Amino acid sequence: MTAGRATCFGCRARIASGPDTSSNKGTNPVVFIPLSDDNPLRSIRFQWVTIGLIIANIAVFAWQKVGAGQMAAASFALIPTELFQVHVVGGAAHGKYDLFAVPEGYTLLSYMFLHGDIFHLGSNMLFLWVFGDNVEDAMGHVKYLVFYVVCGVVGGLVHAAMLPTSPLPLIGASGAVAGVIAAYLILHPRVLVWVLVFRFIPIKISAAWVLGVWAVTQLVMVLVNQPNRVAWWAHIGGMAAGAILILFMRRPGMPLFDRGAPAS
């Protein structure tokens, strides 16, 4: 392995892929960077799961940067060719740089807690911070955690299915966060969000614009087959999972598209 596919939202990423660290040579279109939304919690007092996930991602990133963590991270990344070599559930494939014999099926979970650099981590956690609390509010803590994990797993599987012979490691929370974005877009498209346009200009616009532009960008980048190291298929897989799951996992009476108020 000489490089990696780091999933991220609008930033360049780096990923450990053996003894060295390979740079992401591609560029990701950045239109909106979210800062905050005008959307108070209605059903829960605090977004415990969202905060817990952010803390877990930061803790794993800190581990990656200490001692052998950067090398060991290769064992926990999702590598399509190794995943299918063992038919998903057949144990560890023992890749060239693996320090641990991690069953490949487990990497469908572990990959989403690894990140290439601080910008990769920060961009994913920013989207999760701004939009995750209201999706958690719409589901409840336990269902939201299940939702997040399933979106990440589906994102990884879609990426692997579309690139089954790829030896490049997939890391990043973007597949899971894409599911959160899709759920928020379906629940609250009319909510106003403070964003930075083109990284510098602060404006307040609806979530439909912020997240709609992001969603369309993922589809366009797949269609034009942009030759960079962003795992667009993981984004799309997570987004599709989130859009479907929110229809069934939201609280009873929770409206879609900001139509009315939740039932008490």
C-alpha atoms as a PDB file:
ATOM      1  CA  MET A   1       0.000   0.000   0.000  1.00  0.00           C
ATOM      2  CA  THR A   2       1.441   3.336  -0.958  1.00  0.00           C
ATOM      3  CA  ALA A   3      -1.479   5.650  -0.365  1.00  0.00           C
ATOM      4  CA  GLY A   4      -4.857   5.859   1.269  1.00  0.00           C
ATOM      5  CA  ARG A   5      -8.363   7.068   0.632  1.00  0.00           C
ATOM      6  CA  ALA A   6      -9.289   9.522   3.344  1.00  0.00           C
ATOM      7  CA  THR A   7     -12.921  10.541   3.441  1.00  0.00           C
ATOM      8  CA  CYS A   8     -13.417  14.164   4.378  1.00  0.00           C
ATOM      9  CA  PHE A   9     -15.683  17.153   3.960  1.00  0.00           C
ATOM     10  CA  GLY A  10     -13.917  19.826   2.006  1.00  0.00           C
ATOM     11  CA  CYS A  11     -10.332  19.420   3.207  1.00  0.00           C
ATOM     12  CA  ARG A  12      -7.171  17.707   2.097  1.00  0.00           C
ATOM     13  CA  ALA A  13      -6.361  14.607   4.073  1.00  0.00           C
ATOM     14  CA  ARG A  14      -3.338  12.506   4.895  1.00  0.00           C
ATOM     15  CA  ILE A  15      -3.370   8.865   5.853  1.00  0.00           C
ATOM     16  CA  ALA A  16      -0.770   6.531   7.245  1.00  0.00           C
ATOM     17  CA  SER A  17      -0.233   3.713   4.750  1.00  0.00           C
ATOM     18  CA  GLY A  18       2.734   1.824   6.025  1.00  0.00           C
ATOM     19  CA  PRO A  19       5.965   3.330   7.297  1.00  0.00           C
ATOM     20  CA  ASP A  20       5.394   6.634   5.510  1.00  0.00           C
ATOM     21  CA  THR A  21       2.535   9.095   5.273  1.00  0.00           C
ATOM     22  CA  SER A  22       1.147   9.785   1.819  1.00  0.00           C
ATOM     23  CA  SER A  23      -0.360  13.117   0.884  1.00  0.00           C
ATOM     24  CA  ASN A  24      -3.802  13.525  -0.623  1.00  0.00           C
ATOM     25  CA  LYS A  25      -3.073  14.957  -4.064  1.00  0.00           C
ATOM     26  CA  GLY A  26      -6.687  15.629  -5.015  1.00  0.00           C
ATOM     27  CA  THR A  27      -8.765  18.678  -4.254  1.00  0.00           C
ATOM     28  CA  ASN A  28     -12.176  18.764  -2.657  1.00  0.00           C
ATOM     29  CA  PRO A  29     -14.650  21.511  -3.541  1.00  0.00           C
ATOM     30  CA  VAL A  30     -15.388  23.717  -0.529  1.00  0.00           C
ATOM     31  CA  VAL A  31     -18.527  25.853  -0.717  1.00  0.00           C
ATOM     32  CA  PHE A  32     -19.954  26.020   2.818  1.00  0.00           C
ATOM     33  CA  ILE A  33     -18.292  25.439   6.179  1.00  0.00           C
ATOM     34  CA  PRO A  34     -21.020  25.154   8.855  1.00  0.00           C
ATOM     35  CA  LEU A  35     -20.597  27.010  12.142  1.00  0.00           C
ATOM     36  CA  SER A  36     -23.929  26.703  13.982  1.00  0.00           C
ATOM     37  CA  ASP A  37     -27.670  26.302  13.427  1.00  0.00           C
ATOM     38  CA  ASP A  38     -30.811  27.840  14.889  1.00  0.00           C
ATOM     39  CA  ASN A  39     -32.366  24.556  15.936  1.00  0.00           C
ATOM     40  CA  PRO A  40     -32.915  23.910  19.664  1.00  0.00           C
ATOM     41  CA  LEU A  41     -33.314  20.435  21.118  1.00  0.00           C
ATOM     42  CA  ARG A  42     -36.907  19.371  21.701  1.00  0.00           C
ATOM     43  CA  SER A  43     -36.904  15.854  23.113  1.00  0.00           C
ATOM     44  CA  ILE A  44     -33.547  15.353  24.832  1.00  0.00           C
ATOM     45  CA  ARG A  45     -31.697  17.522  27.320  1.00  0.00           C
ATOM     46  CA  PHE A  46     -28.222  16.977  25.937  1.00  0.00           C
ATOM     47  CA  GLN A  47     -26.636  15.309  22.901  1.00  0.00           C
ATOM     48  CA  TRP A  48     -24.661  12.727  24.873  1.00  0.00           C
ATOM     49  CA  VAL A  49     -24.050  10.367  21.957  1.00  0.00           C
ATOM     50  CA  THR A  50     -22.889  13.088  19.574  1.00  0.00           C
ATOM     51  CA  ILE A  51     -20.431  14.410  22.136  1.00  0.00           C
ATOM     52  CA  GLY A  52     -19.326  10.872  22.971  1.00  0.00           C
ATOM     53  CA  LEU A  53     -18.612  10.132  19.315  1.00  0.00           C
ATOM     54  CA  ILE A  54     -16.590  13.323  18.953  1.00  0.00           C
ATOM     55  CA  ILE A  55     -14.557  12.472  22.057  1.00  0.00           C
ATOM     56  CA  ALA A  56     -13.995   8.912  20.801  1.00  0.00           C
ATOM     57  CA  ASN A  57     -12.741  10.154  17.430  1.00  0.00           C
ATOM     58  CA  ILE A  58     -10.389  12.635  19.092  1.00  0.00           C
ATOM     59  CA  ALA A  59      -9.083   9.958  21.472  1.00  0.00           C
ATOM     60  CA  VAL A  60      -8.393   7.524  18.622  1.00  0.00           C
ATOM     61  CA  PHE A  61      -6.657  10.272  16.654  1.00  0.00           C
ATOM     62  CA  ALA A  62      -4.439  11.031  19.652  1.00  0.00           C
ATOM     63  CA  TRP A  63      -3.581   7.320  19.869  1.00  0.00           C
ATOM     64  CA  GLN A  64      -2.705   7.302  16.168  1.00  0.00           C
ATOM     65  CA  LYS A  65      -0.133  10.024  16.740  1.00  0.00           C
ATOM     66  CA  VAL A  66       1.537   8.394  19.763  1.00  0.00           C
ATOM     67  CA  GLY A  67       4.265   5.757  19.416  1.00  0.00           C
ATOM     68  CA  ALA A  68       3.311   2.875  17.123  1.00  0.00           C
ATOM     69  CA  GLY A  69      -0.258   4.091  16.735  1.00  0.00           C
ATOM     70  CA  GLN A  70       0.300   5.412  13.226  1.00  0.00           C
ATOM     71  CA  MET A  71       1.641   2.062  12.069  1.00  0.00           C
ATOM     72  CA  ALA A  72      -0.985   0.109  13.992  1.00  0.00           C
ATOM     73  CA  ALA A  73      -3.778   2.144  12.415  1.00  0.00           C
ATOM     74  CA  ALA A  74      -3.219   0.261   9.142  1.00  0.00           C
ATOM     75  CA  SER A  75      -4.583  -2.841  10.860  1.00  0.00           C
ATOM     76  CA  PHE A  76      -7.880  -1.091  11.580  1.00  0.00           C
ATOM     77  CA  ALA A  77      -8.404   0.638   8.215  1.00  0.00           C
ATOM     78  CA  LEU A  78     -10.874  -0.807   5.721  1.00  0.00           C
ATOM     79  CA  ILE A  79      -9.073  -2.273   2.692  1.00  0.00           C
ATOM     80  CA  PRO A  80     -11.503  -3.519   0.016  1.00  0.00           C
ATOM     81  CA  THR A  81      -9.263  -6.189  -1.487  1.00  0.00           C
ATOM     82  CA  GLU A  82      -8.522  -7.678   1.948  1.00  0.00           C
ATOM     83  CA  LEU A  83     -12.169  -7.457   3.024  1.00  0.00           C
ATOM     84  CA  PHE A  84     -13.304  -9.506   0.039  1.00  0.00           C
ATOM     85  CA  GLN A  85     -10.295 -11.806   0.225  1.00  0.00           C
ATOM     86  CA  VAL A  86     -11.768 -13.219   3.445  1.00  0.00           C
ATOM     87  CA  HIS A  87     -15.374 -12.797   2.240  1.00  0.00           C
ATOM     88  CA  VAL A  88     -16.071 -10.117   4.892  1.00  0.00           C
ATOM     89  CA  VAL A  89     -16.523 -12.561   7.779  1.00  0.00           C
ATOM     90  CA  GLY A  90     -13.527 -14.836   7.267  1.00  0.00           C
ATOM     91  CA  GLY A  91     -11.062 -13.351   9.734  1.00  0.00           C
ATOM     92  CA  ALA A  92      -7.892 -11.343   9.139  1.00  0.00           C
ATOM     93  CA  ALA A  93      -6.154 -11.130   5.772  1.00  0.00           C
ATOM     94  CA  HIS A  94      -2.756 -10.166   7.270  1.00  0.00           C
ATOM     95  CA  GLY A  95      -1.832  -7.234   5.081  1.00  0.00           C
ATOM     96  CA  LYS A  96       1.736  -6.103   4.540  1.00  0.00           C
ATOM     97  CA  TYR A  97       1.679  -3.363   7.161  1.00  0.00           C
ATOM     98  CA  ASP A  98      -0.688  -4.904   9.696  1.00  0.00           C
ATOM     99  CA  LEU A  99       0.644  -5.013  13.244  1.00  0.00           C
ATOM    100  CA  PHE A 100      -2.507  -6.680  14.565  1.00  0.00           C
ATOM    101  CA  ALA A 101      -4.508  -9.572  13.111  1.00  0.00           C
ATOM    102  CA  VAL A 102      -7.806  -7.667  13.060  1.00  0.00           C
ATOM    103  CA  PRO A 103     -10.681  -9.564  11.379  1.00  0.00           C
ATOM    104  CA  GLU A 104     -11.490  -7.653   8.209  1.00  0.00           C
ATOM    105  CA  GLY A 105     -15.180  -7.509   9.082  1.00  0.00           C
ATOM    106  CA  TYR A 106     -14.315  -5.507  12.207  1.00  0.00           C
ATOM    107  CA  THR A 107     -12.649  -2.847  10.095  1.00  0.00           C
ATOM    108  CA  LEU A 108     -16.094  -1.855   8.819  1.00  0.00           C
ATOM    109  CA  LEU A 109     -16.520  -0.359  12.292  1.00  0.00           C
ATOM    110  CA  SER A 110     -12.977   0.653  13.226  1.00  0.00           C
ATOM    111  CA  TYR A 111     -12.195   2.557  10.014  1.00  0.00           C
ATOM    112  CA  MET A 112     -14.691   5.285  10.839  1.00  0.00           C
ATOM    113  CA  PHE A 113     -12.787   6.307  13.984  1.00  0.00           C
ATOM    114  CA  LEU A 114      -9.442   6.826  12.203  1.00  0.00           C
ATOM    115  CA  HIS A 115      -8.373  10.061  10.502  1.00  0.00           C
ATOM    116  CA  GLY A 116      -5.447  11.138   8.378  1.00  0.00           C
ATOM    117  CA  ASP A 117      -4.645  14.497   9.981  1.00  0.00           C
ATOM    118  CA  ILE A 118      -6.091  17.216  12.176  1.00  0.00           C
ATOM    119  CA  PHE A 119      -7.921  18.863   9.271  1.00  0.00           C
ATOM    120  CA  HIS A 120      -9.515  15.585   8.230  1.00  0.00           C
ATOM    121  CA  LEU A 121     -10.657  14.996  11.821  1.00  0.00           C
ATOM    122  CA  GLY A 122     -11.743  18.591  12.362  1.00  0.00           C
ATOM    123  CA  SER A 123     -13.914  18.810   9.256  1.00  0.00           C
ATOM    124  CA  ASN A 124     -15.775  15.599  10.056  1.00  0.00           C
ATOM    125  CA  MET A 125     -16.279  16.527  13.706  1.00  0.00           C
ATOM    126  CA  LEU A 126     -17.478  20.025  12.801  1.00  0.00           C
ATOM    127  CA  PHE A 127     -20.286  18.648  10.657  1.00  0.00           C
ATOM    128  CA  LEU A 128     -21.131  16.122  13.378  1.00  0.00           C
ATOM    129  CA  TRP A 129     -21.163  18.856  16.047  1.00  0.00           C
ATOM    130  CA  VAL A 130     -23.435  21.202  14.096  1.00  0.00           C
ATOM    131  CA  PHE A 131     -25.941  18.675  12.762  1.00  0.00           C
ATOM    132  CA  GLY A 132     -25.677  15.561  14.927  1.00  0.00           C
ATOM    133  CA  ASP A 133     -27.481  16.890  18.000  1.00  0.00           C
ATOM    134  CA  ASN A 134     -30.774  17.438  16.207  1.00  0.00           C
ATOM    135  CA  VAL A 135     -30.672  14.045  14.530  1.00  0.00           C
ATOM    136  CA  GLU A 136     -30.008  12.502  17.933  1.00  0.00           C
ATOM    137  CA  ASP A 137     -32.935  14.547  19.266  1.00  0.00           C
ATOM    138  CA  ALA A 138     -35.170  13.145  16.522  1.00  0.00           C
ATOM    139  CA  MET A 139     -34.325   9.522  17.374  1.00  0.00           C
ATOM    140  CA  GLY A 140     -33.232   9.265  20.967  1.00  0.00           C
ATOM    141  CA  HIS A 141     -29.781   8.300  22.185  1.00  0.00           C
ATOM    142  CA  VAL A 142     -29.726   4.547  21.562  1.00  0.00           C
ATOM    143  CA  LYS A 143     -31.321   4.556  18.121  1.00  0.00           C
ATOM    144  CA  TYR A 144     -29.088   7.425  17.064  1.00  0.00           C
ATOM    145  CA  LEU A 145     -25.951   5.483  17.993  1.00  0.00           C
ATOM    146  CA  VAL A 146     -27.202   2.486  16.014  1.00  0.00           C
ATOM    147  CA  PHE A 147     -28.069   4.814  13.125  1.00  0.00           C
ATOM    148  CA  TYR A 148     -24.588   6.361  13.102  1.00  0.00           C
ATOM    149  CA  VAL A 149     -22.814   3.004  13.126  1.00  0.00           C
ATOM    150  CA  VAL A 150     -25.031   1.515  10.418  1.00  0.00           C
ATOM    151  CA  CYS A 151     -24.476   4.527   8.143  1.00  0.00           C
ATOM    152  CA  GLY A 152     -20.718   4.166   8.579  1.00  0.00           C
ATOM    153  CA  VAL A 153     -20.802   0.438   7.871  1.00  0.00           C
ATOM    154  CA  VAL A 154     -22.963   0.913   4.777  1.00  0.00           C
ATOM    155  CA  GLY A 155     -20.649   3.665   3.552  1.00  0.00           C
ATOM    156  CA  GLY A 156     -17.668   1.342   3.917  1.00  0.00           C
ATOM    157  CA  LEU A 157     -19.434  -1.520   2.180  1.00  0.00           C
ATOM    158  CA  VAL A 158     -20.519   0.652  -0.755  1.00  0.00           C
ATOM    159  CA  HIS A 159     -16.993   1.968  -1.149  1.00  0.00           C
ATOM    160  CA  ALA A 160     -15.576  -1.564  -1.080  1.00  0.00           C
ATOM    161  CA  ALA A 161     -18.219  -2.866  -3.487  1.00  0.00           C
ATOM    162  CA  MET A 162     -17.486  -0.143  -6.014  1.00  0.00           C
ATOM    163  CA  LEU A 163     -13.698  -0.590  -5.708  1.00  0.00           C
ATOM    164  CA  PRO A 164     -13.359  -4.273  -4.805  1.00  0.00           C
ATOM    165  CA  THR A 165      -9.752  -4.652  -5.975  1.00  0.00           C
ATOM    166  CA  SER A 166      -8.440  -1.528  -4.279  1.00  0.00           C
ATOM    167  CA  PRO A 167      -5.491  -2.114  -1.894  1.00  0.00           C
ATOM    168  CA  LEU A 168      -5.821   1.410  -0.476  1.00  0.00           C
ATOM    169  CA  PRO A 169      -6.980   1.844   3.129  1.00  0.00           C
ATOM    170  CA  LEU A 170     -10.217   3.709   3.777  1.00  0.00           C
ATOM    171  CA  ILE A 171     -10.399   5.787   6.957  1.00  0.00           C
ATOM    172  CA  GLY A 172     -12.603   8.556   8.296  1.00  0.00           C
ATOM    173  CA  ALA A 173     -16.006   9.221   9.812  1.00  0.00           C
ATOM    174  CA  SER A 174     -17.405  10.735   6.623  1.00  0.00           C
ATOM    175  CA  GLY A 175     -19.612   7.778   5.700  1.00  0.00           C
ATOM    176  CA  ALA A 176     -21.314   7.917   9.090  1.00  0.00           C
ATOM    177  CA  VAL A 177     -21.474  11.719   9.115  1.00  0.00           C
ATOM    178  CA  ALA A 178     -22.944  11.665   5.598  1.00  0.00           C
ATOM    179  CA  GLY A 179     -25.840   9.664   7.041  1.00  0.00           C
ATOM    180  CA  VAL A 180     -26.312  12.350   9.694  1.00  0.00           C
ATOM    181  CA  ILE A 181     -26.286  15.039   7.000  1.00  0.00           C
ATOM    182  CA  ALA A 182     -28.924  13.222   4.943  1.00  0.00           C
ATOM    183  CA  ALA A 183     -31.138  12.754   8.004  1.00  0.00           C
ATOM    184  CA  TYR A 184     -30.833  16.422   8.970  1.00  0.00           C
ATOM    185  CA  LEU A 185     -31.641  17.524   5.422  1.00  0.00           C
ATOM    186  CA  ILE A 186     -34.823  15.436   5.464  1.00  0.00           C
ATOM    187  CA  LEU A 187     -35.830  16.580   8.944  1.00  0.00           C
ATOM    188  CA  HIS A 188     -34.855  20.257   8.943  1.00  0.00           C
ATOM    189  CA  PRO A 189     -34.237  21.710   5.474  1.00  0.00           C
ATOM    190  CA  ARG A 190     -35.700  25.107   6.472  1.00  0.00           C
ATOM    191  CA  VAL A 191     -33.537  25.680   9.532  1.00  0.00           C
ATOM    192  CA  LEU A 192     -31.103  28.578   9.186  1.00  0.00           C
ATOM    193  CA  VAL A 193     -27.411  27.774   9.474  1.00  0.00           C
ATOM    194  CA  TRP A 194     -24.446  30.086   9.938  1.00  0.00           C
ATOM    195  CA  VAL A 195     -21.756  29.136   7.436  1.00  0.00           C
ATOM    196  CA  LEU A 196     -18.539  30.423   5.939  1.00  0.00           C
ATOM    197  CA  VAL A 197     -18.882  30.686   2.165  1.00  0.00           C
ATOM    198  CA  PHE A 198     -15.657  29.777   0.376  1.00  0.00           C
ATOM    199  CA  ARG A 199     -14.058  29.578   3.853  1.00  0.00           C
ATOM    200  CA  PHE A 200     -14.133  33.315   4.561  1.00  0.00           C
ATOM    201  CA  ILE A 201     -17.567  34.944   4.144  1.00  0.00           C
ATOM    202  CA  PRO A 202     -20.045  34.419   7.042  1.00  0.00           C
ATOM    203  CA  ILE A 203     -23.700  34.253   6.022  1.00  0.00           C
ATOM    204  CA  LYS A 204     -26.896  32.682   7.337  1.00  0.00           C
ATOM    205  CA  ILE A 205     -28.774  30.437   4.910  1.00  0.00           C
ATOM    206  CA  SER A 206     -31.118  27.476   5.038  1.00  0.00           C
ATOM    207  CA  ALA A 207     -29.863  23.950   5.675  1.00  0.00           C
ATOM    208  CA  ALA A 208     -31.362  22.960   2.322  1.00  0.00           C
ATOM    209  CA  TRP A 209     -28.733  25.074   0.588  1.00  0.00           C
ATOM    210  CA  VAL A 210     -25.836  24.071   2.818  1.00  0.00           C
ATOM    211  CA  LEU A 211     -26.456  20.351   2.815  1.00  0.00           C
ATOM    212  CA  GLY A 212     -28.150  20.155  -0.567  1.00  0.00           C
ATOM    213  CA  VAL A 213     -25.088  21.594  -2.294  1.00  0.00           C
ATOM    214  CA  TRP A 214     -22.888  19.141  -0.386  1.00  0.00           C
ATOM    215  CA  ALA A 215     -25.071  16.168  -1.394  1.00  0.00           C
ATOM    216  CA  VAL A 216     -25.143  17.161  -5.054  1.00  0.00           C
ATOM    217  CA  THR A 217     -21.374  17.617  -5.015  1.00  0.00           C
ATOM    218  CA  GLN A 218     -20.856  14.011  -3.935  1.00  0.00           C
ATOM    219  CA  LEU A 219     -22.917  12.737  -6.861  1.00  0.00           C
ATOM    220  CA  VAL A 220     -21.197  15.022  -9.354  1.00  0.00           C
ATOM    221  CA  MET A 221     -17.733  13.984  -8.197  1.00  0.00           C
ATOM    222  CA  VAL A 222     -18.590  10.317  -8.707  1.00  0.00           C
ATOM    223  CA  LEU A 223     -20.011  10.968 -12.177  1.00  0.00           C
ATOM    224  CA  VAL A 224     -16.974  12.929 -13.349  1.00  0.00           C
ATOM    225  CA  ASN A 225     -14.661  10.334 -11.766  1.00  0.00           C
ATOM    226  CA  GLN A 226     -12.465  12.955 -10.136  1.00  0.00           C
ATOM    227  CA  PRO A 227      -8.963  11.394  -9.841  1.00  0.00           C
ATOM    228  CA  ASN A 228      -8.236  12.181  -6.189  1.00  0.00           C
ATOM    229  CA  ARG A 229      -8.098  10.296  -2.928  1.00  0.00           C
ATOM    230  CA  VAL A 230     -11.516  11.162  -1.538  1.00  0.00           C
ATOM    231  CA  ALA A 231     -13.812   8.165  -1.080  1.00  0.00           C
ATOM    232  CA  TRP A 232     -16.903   9.605  -2.711  1.00  0.00           C
ATOM    233  CA  TRP A 233     -18.674   6.238  -2.746  1.00  0.00           C
ATOM    234  CA  ALA A 234     -18.418   6.003   1.047  1.00  0.00           C
ATOM    235  CA  HIS A 235     -20.115   9.394   1.281  1.00  0.00           C
ATOM    236  CA  ILE A 236     -22.880   8.330  -1.067  1.00  0.00           C
ATOM    237  CA  GLY A 237     -23.411   5.002   0.699  1.00  0.00           C
ATOM    238  CA  GLY A 238     -23.660   6.672   4.088  1.00  0.00           C
ATOM    239  CA  MET A 239     -25.932   9.373   2.721  1.00  0.00           C
ATOM    240  CA  ALA A 240     -28.317   6.836   1.173  1.00  0.00           C
ATOM    241  CA  ALA A 241     -28.416   4.825   4.397  1.00  0.00           C
ATOM    242  CA  GLY A 242     -29.175   7.933   6.449  1.00  0.00           C
ATOM    243  CA  ALA A 243     -31.949   9.080   4.124  1.00  0.00           C
ATOM    244  CA  ILE A 244     -33.674   5.698   4.356  1.00  0.00           C
ATOM    245  CA  LEU A 245     -33.114   4.987   8.048  1.00  0.00           C
ATOM    246  CA  ILE A 246     -34.417   8.342   9.284  1.00  0.00           C
ATOM    247  CA  LEU A 247     -37.831   7.495   7.816  1.00  0.00           C
ATOM    248  CA  PHE A 248     -38.140   4.499  10.135  1.00  0.00           C
ATOM    249  CA  MET A 249     -35.971   5.380  13.133  1.00  0.00           C
ATOM    250  CA  ARG A 250     -37.274   8.846  13.998  1.00  0.00           C
ATOM    251  CA  ARG A 251     -39.526   9.248  17.016  1.00  0.00           C
ATOM    252  CA  PRO A 252     -43.253   8.659  16.475  1.00  0.00           C
ATOM    253  CA  GLY A 253     -44.823  11.932  15.432  1.00  0.00           C
ATOM    254  CA  MET A 254     -41.549  13.519  14.367  1.00  0.00           C
ATOM    255  CA  PRO A 255     -42.393  15.384  11.142  1.00  0.00           C
ATOM    256  CA  LEU A 256     -40.246  15.503   8.039  1.00  0.00           C
ATOM    257  CA  PHE A 257     -39.153  18.611   6.142  1.00  0.00           C
ATOM    258  CA  ASP A 258     -39.918  20.913   9.122  1.00  0.00           C
ATOM    259  CA  ARG A 259     -43.641  20.400   8.748  1.00  0.00           C
ATOM    260  CA  GLY A 260     -45.307  21.103  12.082  1.00  0.00           C
ATOM    261  CA  ALA A 261     -44.038  20.313  15.571  1.00  0.00           C
ATOM    262  CA  PRO A 262     -43.257  16.896  17.073  1.00  0.00           C
ATOM    263  CA  ALA A 263     -46.071  15.249  18.978  1.00  0.00           C
ATOM    264  CA  SER A 264     -45.716  15.481  22.746  1.00  0.00           C
END
